[in-house]
Amino acid sequence: MDVGRSFTYMFEDQDWIKKILIGGIINVIPIVNFMSSGYFIEAVRNTAQGRELPLPEWDDFGGKFMKGLMAGVAGFLYMLPIMIVVGVTVGLAAASASVSDSDAAEAVAAICPMIGYCLMFVYMILLILVLPAATVQYALTEQFGAFFRFGDIMAFIKANLGGYIIALLVALVAGVVAEIVGMIACGVGFLFTMMWAMLVAANLLGNLAREAQPAPY
């Protein structure tokens, strides 16, 4: 995994300006932006297969939309458990506050939301660590169920833990850089920078997958 190259490889595509600009425009349009997620998944898959260049073409919009939609549905399902837990704790707090003015009820009303939000914080950290690996598994197989093959996901993370953590941290740095540069460019720069950051992350994850399992997918 060449971290330095992940920041610049996309500029070697002769059509990089067009591809990144199209992606940037699509990325800011609600619902339609599922296509940019699909583009990201294709970039991960291509890189894992040793084809990081040229960048994916902006064709088969329906296919890209469906891949992005599947990723969005998977993300929602991943979030659903903690949404339910937080909802239950907030509901218990509201119920306790309404049925009694006792000290015990007030304590429950105060503690339940704190427990819920603490659990949500821990869960979100775990989600940040797990969901990218799950997305890699989906990119390699193009099977929705791959998002939830937790044995494969955890095996991938454990086998490549050092590189995986580096990839996540570098992708985070790219995202921060993209936001800063985008704001400096009066917001218009976001059309380029956020798509650039997505391609950085796609390259890092794709190369990590290729090195972990060099056989063709």
C-alpha atoms as a PDB file:
ATOM      1  CA  MET A   1       0.000   0.000   0.000  1.00  0.00           C
ATOM      2  CA  ASP A   2       1.663   3.188  -1.223  1.00  0.00           C
ATOM      3  CA  VAL A   3       0.173   5.914   0.977  1.00  0.00           C
ATOM      4  CA  GLY A   4       1.863   8.774  -0.872  1.00  0.00           C
ATOM      5  CA  ARG A   5       0.653   7.576  -4.262  1.00  0.00           C
ATOM      6  CA  SER A   6      -2.932   7.333  -3.024  1.00  0.00           C
ATOM      7  CA  PHE A   7      -3.031  11.155  -2.907  1.00  0.00           C
ATOM      8  CA  THR A   8      -1.928  11.663  -6.510  1.00  0.00           C
ATOM      9  CA  TYR A   9      -2.580   8.559  -8.634  1.00  0.00           C
ATOM     10  CA  MET A  10      -5.922   9.870  -9.927  1.00  0.00           C
ATOM     11  CA  PHE A  11      -4.171  12.746 -11.698  1.00  0.00           C
ATOM     12  CA  GLU A  12      -2.490  10.245 -14.024  1.00  0.00           C
ATOM     13  CA  ASP A  13      -5.839   9.573 -15.693  1.00  0.00           C
ATOM     14  CA  GLN A  14      -6.030  11.842 -18.735  1.00  0.00           C
ATOM     15  CA  ASP A  15      -9.722  12.484 -18.023  1.00  0.00           C
ATOM     16  CA  TRP A  16      -9.334  13.045 -14.284  1.00  0.00           C
ATOM     17  CA  ILE A  17     -10.790  16.552 -14.317  1.00  0.00           C
ATOM     18  CA  LYS A  18     -13.949  15.441 -16.066  1.00  0.00           C
ATOM     19  CA  LYS A  19     -14.405  12.334 -13.937  1.00  0.00           C
ATOM     20  CA  ILE A  20     -13.833  14.092 -10.630  1.00  0.00           C
ATOM     21  CA  LEU A  21     -16.037  17.051 -11.599  1.00  0.00           C
ATOM     22  CA  ILE A  22     -18.917  14.775 -12.648  1.00  0.00           C
ATOM     23  CA  GLY A  23     -18.542  12.854  -9.419  1.00  0.00           C
ATOM     24  CA  GLY A  24     -18.425  16.040  -7.385  1.00  0.00           C
ATOM     25  CA  ILE A  25     -21.629  17.362  -8.947  1.00  0.00           C
ATOM     26  CA  ILE A  26     -23.422  14.039  -8.448  1.00  0.00           C
ATOM     27  CA  ASN A  27     -22.139  13.887  -4.873  1.00  0.00           C
ATOM     28  CA  VAL A  28     -24.094  16.980  -3.805  1.00  0.00           C
ATOM     29  CA  ILE A  29     -27.445  15.916  -5.280  1.00  0.00           C
ATOM     30  CA  PRO A  30     -29.616  14.042  -2.755  1.00  0.00           C
ATOM     31  CA  ILE A  31     -30.611  10.494  -3.757  1.00  0.00           C
ATOM     32  CA  VAL A  32     -28.664  10.801  -7.009  1.00  0.00           C
ATOM     33  CA  ASN A  33     -25.501  10.793  -4.910  1.00  0.00           C
ATOM     34  CA  PHE A  34     -25.913   7.053  -4.375  1.00  0.00           C
ATOM     35  CA  MET A  35     -24.163   6.886  -7.753  1.00  0.00           C
ATOM     36  CA  SER A  36     -21.005   8.441  -6.325  1.00  0.00           C
ATOM     37  CA  SER A  37     -21.014   5.748  -3.624  1.00  0.00           C
ATOM     38  CA  GLY A  38     -21.319   3.173  -6.385  1.00  0.00           C
ATOM     39  CA  TYR A  39     -18.407   4.824  -8.169  1.00  0.00           C
ATOM     40  CA  PHE A  40     -16.356   4.534  -4.974  1.00  0.00           C
ATOM     41  CA  ILE A  41     -17.166   0.827  -4.741  1.00  0.00           C
ATOM     42  CA  GLU A  42     -16.120   0.288  -8.370  1.00  0.00           C
ATOM     43  CA  ALA A  43     -12.844   2.123  -7.694  1.00  0.00           C
ATOM     44  CA  VAL A  44     -12.157  -0.150  -4.705  1.00  0.00           C
ATOM     45  CA  ARG A  45     -12.869  -3.259  -6.776  1.00  0.00           C
ATOM     46  CA  ASN A  46     -10.768  -2.111  -9.745  1.00  0.00           C
ATOM     47  CA  THR A  47      -7.824  -1.276  -7.490  1.00  0.00           C
ATOM     48  CA  ALA A  48      -8.107  -4.637  -5.713  1.00  0.00           C
ATOM     49  CA  GLN A  49      -7.873  -6.258  -9.141  1.00  0.00           C
ATOM     50  CA  GLY A  50      -4.733  -4.254  -9.961  1.00  0.00           C
ATOM     51  CA  ARG A  51      -6.546  -1.772 -12.210  1.00  0.00           C
ATOM     52  CA  GLU A  52      -6.359   1.484 -10.292  1.00  0.00           C
ATOM     53  CA  LEU A  53      -6.060   3.341 -13.608  1.00  0.00           C
ATOM     54  CA  PRO A  54      -7.828   4.488 -15.547  1.00  0.00           C
ATOM     55  CA  LEU A  55     -10.422   5.661 -13.050  1.00  0.00           C
ATOM     56  CA  PRO A  56     -13.865   4.106 -13.534  1.00  0.00           C
ATOM     57  CA  GLU A  57     -15.885   5.654 -16.332  1.00  0.00           C
ATOM     58  CA  TRP A  58     -19.085   7.505 -15.629  1.00  0.00           C
ATOM     59  CA  ASP A  59     -21.277   5.002 -17.419  1.00  0.00           C
ATOM     60  CA  ASP A  60     -23.827   2.423 -16.266  1.00  0.00           C
ATOM     61  CA  PHE A  61     -25.463   4.988 -14.001  1.00  0.00           C
ATOM     62  CA  GLY A  62     -28.123   2.496 -12.980  1.00  0.00           C
ATOM     63  CA  GLY A  63     -25.524  -0.026 -11.872  1.00  0.00           C
ATOM     64  CA  LYS A  64     -23.630   2.577  -9.881  1.00  0.00           C
ATOM     65  CA  PHE A  65     -26.852   3.795  -8.285  1.00  0.00           C
ATOM     66  CA  MET A  66     -27.809   0.272  -7.182  1.00  0.00           C
ATOM     67  CA  LYS A  67     -24.355  -0.415  -5.710  1.00  0.00           C
ATOM     68  CA  GLY A  68     -24.488   2.851  -3.800  1.00  0.00           C
ATOM     69  CA  LEU A  69     -28.056   2.147  -2.698  1.00  0.00           C
ATOM     70  CA  MET A  70     -27.042  -1.273  -1.377  1.00  0.00           C
ATOM     71  CA  ALA A  71     -24.232   0.378   0.591  1.00  0.00           C
ATOM     72  CA  GLY A  72     -26.700   2.919   1.954  1.00  0.00           C
ATOM     73  CA  VAL A  73     -29.167   0.213   3.000  1.00  0.00           C
ATOM     74  CA  ALA A  74     -26.361  -1.724   4.683  1.00  0.00           C
ATOM     75  CA  GLY A  75     -25.249   1.411   6.520  1.00  0.00           C
ATOM     76  CA  PHE A  76     -28.810   1.963   7.748  1.00  0.00           C
ATOM     77  CA  LEU A  77     -29.058  -1.632   8.971  1.00  0.00           C
ATOM     78  CA  TYR A  78     -25.753  -1.227  10.769  1.00  0.00           C
ATOM     79  CA  MET A  79     -27.125   1.886  12.485  1.00  0.00           C
ATOM     80  CA  LEU A  80     -30.497   0.359  13.348  1.00  0.00           C
ATOM     81  CA  PRO A  81     -29.458  -1.456  16.575  1.00  0.00           C
ATOM     82  CA  ILE A  82     -28.019   1.641  18.225  1.00  0.00           C
ATOM     83  CA  MET A  83     -30.956   3.734  17.022  1.00  0.00           C
ATOM     84  CA  ILE A  84     -33.275   1.298  18.794  1.00  0.00           C
ATOM     85  CA  VAL A  85     -31.145   1.298  21.961  1.00  0.00           C
ATOM     86  CA  VAL A  86     -31.015   5.094  22.124  1.00  0.00           C
ATOM     87  CA  GLY A  87     -34.731   5.300  21.413  1.00  0.00           C
ATOM     88  CA  VAL A  88     -35.491   2.875  24.249  1.00  0.00           C
ATOM     89  CA  THR A  89     -33.292   4.704  26.762  1.00  0.00           C
ATOM     90  CA  VAL A  90     -34.779   8.079  25.852  1.00  0.00           C
ATOM     91  CA  GLY A  91     -38.268   6.567  26.045  1.00  0.00           C
ATOM     92  CA  LEU A  92     -37.556   5.121  29.500  1.00  0.00           C
ATOM     93  CA  ALA A  93     -36.275   8.496  30.637  1.00  0.00           C
ATOM     94  CA  ALA A  94     -39.397  10.245  29.383  1.00  0.00           C
ATOM     95  CA  ALA A  95     -41.665   7.636  30.964  1.00  0.00           C
ATOM     96  CA  SER A  96     -39.857   7.865  34.309  1.00  0.00           C
ATOM     97  CA  ALA A  97     -40.095  11.640  34.315  1.00  0.00           C
ATOM     98  CA  SER A  98     -43.818  11.572  33.614  1.00  0.00           C
ATOM     99  CA  VAL A  99     -45.044   8.906  36.040  1.00  0.00           C
ATOM    100  CA  SER A 100     -43.487  10.088  39.276  1.00  0.00           C
ATOM    101  CA  ASP A 101     -41.726  12.945  40.964  1.00  0.00           C
ATOM    102  CA  SER A 102     -39.679  10.634  43.184  1.00  0.00           C
ATOM    103  CA  ASP A 103     -35.917  10.842  43.419  1.00  0.00           C
ATOM    104  CA  ALA A 104     -35.620   7.361  41.884  1.00  0.00           C
ATOM    105  CA  ALA A 105     -37.655   8.374  38.854  1.00  0.00           C
ATOM    106  CA  GLU A 106     -35.610  11.541  38.416  1.00  0.00           C
ATOM    107  CA  ALA A 107     -32.411   9.489  38.623  1.00  0.00           C
ATOM    108  CA  VAL A 108     -33.661   7.083  35.961  1.00  0.00           C
ATOM    109  CA  ALA A 109     -34.710  10.015  33.771  1.00  0.00           C
ATOM    110  CA  ALA A 110     -31.225  11.495  34.076  1.00  0.00           C
ATOM    111  CA  ILE A 111     -29.185   8.300  33.745  1.00  0.00           C
ATOM    112  CA  CYS A 112     -30.976   6.560  30.865  1.00  0.00           C
ATOM    113  CA  PRO A 113     -30.117   9.162  28.170  1.00  0.00           C
ATOM    114  CA  MET A 114     -26.501   9.215  29.391  1.00  0.00           C
ATOM    115  CA  ILE A 115     -26.286   5.438  29.057  1.00  0.00           C
ATOM    116  CA  GLY A 116     -27.839   5.589  25.602  1.00  0.00           C
ATOM    117  CA  TYR A 117     -25.460   8.241  24.322  1.00  0.00           C
ATOM    118  CA  CYS A 118     -22.423   6.494  25.812  1.00  0.00           C
ATOM    119  CA  LEU A 119     -23.433   3.286  24.065  1.00  0.00           C
ATOM    120  CA  MET A 120     -23.957   5.233  20.863  1.00  0.00           C
ATOM    121  CA  PHE A 121     -20.442   6.710  21.108  1.00  0.00           C
ATOM    122  CA  VAL A 122     -18.866   3.271  21.567  1.00  0.00           C
ATOM    123  CA  TYR A 123     -20.994   1.795  18.801  1.00  0.00           C
ATOM    124  CA  MET A 124     -20.055   4.573  16.376  1.00  0.00           C
ATOM    125  CA  ILE A 125     -16.351   3.937  17.015  1.00  0.00           C
ATOM    126  CA  LEU A 126     -16.895   0.252  16.252  1.00  0.00           C
ATOM    127  CA  LEU A 127     -18.892   1.180  13.156  1.00  0.00           C
ATOM    128  CA  ILE A 128     -16.095   3.401  11.858  1.00  0.00           C
ATOM    129  CA  LEU A 129     -13.721   0.467  12.241  1.00  0.00           C
ATOM    130  CA  VAL A 130     -15.964  -2.239  10.773  1.00  0.00           C
ATOM    131  CA  LEU A 131     -17.988  -0.621   7.989  1.00  0.00           C
ATOM    132  CA  PRO A 132     -15.051   0.157   5.637  1.00  0.00           C
ATOM    133  CA  ALA A 133     -13.958  -3.498   5.797  1.00  0.00           C
ATOM    134  CA  ALA A 134     -17.535  -4.580   5.152  1.00  0.00           C
ATOM    135  CA  THR A 135     -17.631  -2.255   2.135  1.00  0.00           C
ATOM    136  CA  VAL A 136     -14.429  -3.849   0.826  1.00  0.00           C
ATOM    137  CA  GLN A 137     -16.027  -7.286   1.096  1.00  0.00           C
ATOM    138  CA  TYR A 138     -19.046  -6.036  -0.854  1.00  0.00           C
ATOM    139  CA  ALA A 139     -16.838  -4.389  -3.488  1.00  0.00           C
ATOM    140  CA  LEU A 140     -14.942  -7.633  -4.035  1.00  0.00           C
ATOM    141  CA  THR A 141     -17.987  -9.900  -4.231  1.00  0.00           C
ATOM    142  CA  GLU A 142     -20.798  -7.522  -5.274  1.00  0.00           C
ATOM    143  CA  GLN A 143     -23.038  -9.558  -2.975  1.00  0.00           C
ATOM    144  CA  PHE A 144     -25.196  -7.663  -0.488  1.00  0.00           C
ATOM    145  CA  GLY A 145     -24.771 -10.398   2.094  1.00  0.00           C
ATOM    146  CA  ALA A 146     -21.022  -9.675   2.182  1.00  0.00           C
ATOM    147  CA  PHE A 147     -21.816  -6.626   4.322  1.00  0.00           C
ATOM    148  CA  PHE A 148     -22.884  -8.980   7.104  1.00  0.00           C
ATOM    149  CA  ARG A 149     -20.400 -11.837   6.838  1.00  0.00           C
ATOM    150  CA  PHE A 150     -18.833 -10.771  10.092  1.00  0.00           C
ATOM    151  CA  GLY A 151     -16.393 -13.677  10.171  1.00  0.00           C
ATOM    152  CA  ASP A 152     -14.879 -12.612   6.850  1.00  0.00           C
ATOM    153  CA  ILE A 153     -14.933  -8.960   7.861  1.00  0.00           C
ATOM    154  CA  MET A 154     -13.160  -9.531  11.171  1.00  0.00           C
ATOM    155  CA  ALA A 155     -10.675 -11.917   9.550  1.00  0.00           C
ATOM    156  CA  PHE A 156      -9.793  -9.228   7.000  1.00  0.00           C
ATOM    157  CA  ILE A 157      -9.298  -6.623   9.719  1.00  0.00           C
ATOM    158  CA  LYS A 158      -7.218  -8.913  11.958  1.00  0.00           C
ATOM    159  CA  ALA A 159      -5.011 -10.103   9.092  1.00  0.00           C
ATOM    160  CA  ASN A 160      -4.281  -6.538   7.966  1.00  0.00           C
ATOM    161  CA  LEU A 161      -4.713  -4.605  11.200  1.00  0.00           C
ATOM    162  CA  GLY A 162      -1.703  -2.290  10.871  1.00  0.00           C
ATOM    163  CA  GLY A 163      -2.322  -1.408   7.246  1.00  0.00           C
ATOM    164  CA  TYR A 164      -6.066  -1.135   7.844  1.00  0.00           C
ATOM    165  CA  ILE A 165      -5.672   1.384  10.670  1.00  0.00           C
ATOM    166  CA  ILE A 166      -3.214   3.375   8.558  1.00  0.00           C
ATOM    167  CA  ALA A 167      -5.660   3.366   5.639  1.00  0.00           C
ATOM    168  CA  LEU A 168      -8.490   4.655   7.850  1.00  0.00           C
ATOM    169  CA  LEU A 169      -6.319   7.374   9.370  1.00  0.00           C
ATOM    170  CA  VAL A 170      -4.971   8.527   6.008  1.00  0.00           C
ATOM    171  CA  ALA A 171      -8.502   8.546   4.558  1.00  0.00           C
ATOM    172  CA  LEU A 172      -9.557  10.691   7.526  1.00  0.00           C
ATOM    173  CA  VAL A 173      -6.690  13.098   6.862  1.00  0.00           C
ATOM    174  CA  ALA A 174      -7.693  13.287   3.184  1.00  0.00           C
ATOM    175  CA  GLY A 175     -11.249  14.115   4.217  1.00  0.00           C
ATOM    176  CA  VAL A 176     -10.074  16.919   6.509  1.00  0.00           C
ATOM    177  CA  VAL A 177      -7.791  18.311   3.787  1.00  0.00           C
ATOM    178  CA  ALA A 178     -10.680  18.153   1.313  1.00  0.00           C
ATOM    179  CA  GLU A 179     -12.923  20.153   3.644  1.00  0.00           C
ATOM    180  CA  ILE A 180     -10.286  22.801   4.340  1.00  0.00           C
ATOM    181  CA  VAL A 181      -9.346  23.253   0.674  1.00  0.00           C
ATOM    182  CA  GLY A 182     -12.997  23.200  -0.349  1.00  0.00           C
ATOM    183  CA  MET A 183     -13.815  26.012   2.105  1.00  0.00           C
ATOM    184  CA  ILE A 184     -10.816  28.039   0.960  1.00  0.00           C
ATOM    185  CA  ALA A 185     -12.151  27.765  -2.584  1.00  0.00           C
ATOM    186  CA  CYS A 186     -15.410  29.405  -1.465  1.00  0.00           C
ATOM    187  CA  GLY A 187     -17.281  26.116  -1.336  1.00  0.00           C
ATOM    188  CA  VAL A 188     -17.015  25.450  -5.076  1.00  0.00           C
ATOM    189  CA  GLY A 189     -13.834  23.500  -4.431  1.00  0.00           C
ATOM    190  CA  PHE A 190     -15.889  20.844  -2.659  1.00  0.00           C
ATOM    191  CA  LEU A 191     -16.954  19.555  -6.080  1.00  0.00           C
ATOM    192  CA  PHE A 192     -13.356  18.460  -6.624  1.00  0.00           C
ATOM    193  CA  THR A 193     -11.952  17.920  -3.162  1.00  0.00           C
ATOM    194  CA  MET A 194     -14.576  15.617  -1.677  1.00  0.00           C
ATOM    195  CA  MET A 195     -14.489  13.349  -4.723  1.00  0.00           C
ATOM    196  CA  TRP A 196     -10.690  13.396  -4.553  1.00  0.00           C
ATOM    197  CA  ALA A 197     -10.872  12.288  -0.908  1.00  0.00           C
ATOM    198  CA  MET A 198     -13.208   9.427  -1.861  1.00  0.00           C
ATOM    199  CA  LEU A 199     -10.724   8.263  -4.487  1.00  0.00           C
ATOM    200  CA  VAL A 200      -7.887   8.406  -1.951  1.00  0.00           C
ATOM    201  CA  ALA A 201      -9.868   6.150   0.392  1.00  0.00           C
ATOM    202  CA  ALA A 202     -10.850   3.821  -2.467  1.00  0.00           C
ATOM    203  CA  ASN A 203      -7.226   3.425  -3.490  1.00  0.00           C
ATOM    204  CA  LEU A 204      -6.036   2.719   0.056  1.00  0.00           C
ATOM    205  CA  LEU A 205      -8.714   0.098   0.718  1.00  0.00           C
ATOM    206  CA  GLY A 206      -8.420  -1.464  -2.720  1.00  0.00           C
ATOM    207  CA  ASN A 207      -4.664  -1.831  -2.487  1.00  0.00           C
ATOM    208  CA  LEU A 208      -4.960  -3.256   1.007  1.00  0.00           C
ATOM    209  CA  ALA A 209      -7.395  -5.873  -0.302  1.00  0.00           C
ATOM    210  CA  ARG A 210      -5.121  -6.676  -3.246  1.00  0.00           C
ATOM    211  CA  GLU A 211      -2.110  -7.197  -1.000  1.00  0.00           C
ATOM    212  CA  ALA A 212      -4.115  -9.258   1.455  1.00  0.00           C
ATOM    213  CA  GLN A 213      -5.505 -11.586  -1.200  1.00  0.00           C
ATOM    214  CA  PRO A 214      -3.688 -11.209  -4.532  1.00  0.00           C
ATOM    215  CA  ALA A 215      -5.775 -13.860  -6.271  1.00  0.00           C
ATOM    216  CA  PRO A 216      -8.297 -12.471  -8.803  1.00  0.00           C
ATOM    217  CA  TYR A 217     -11.778 -11.702  -7.532  1.00  0.00           C
END
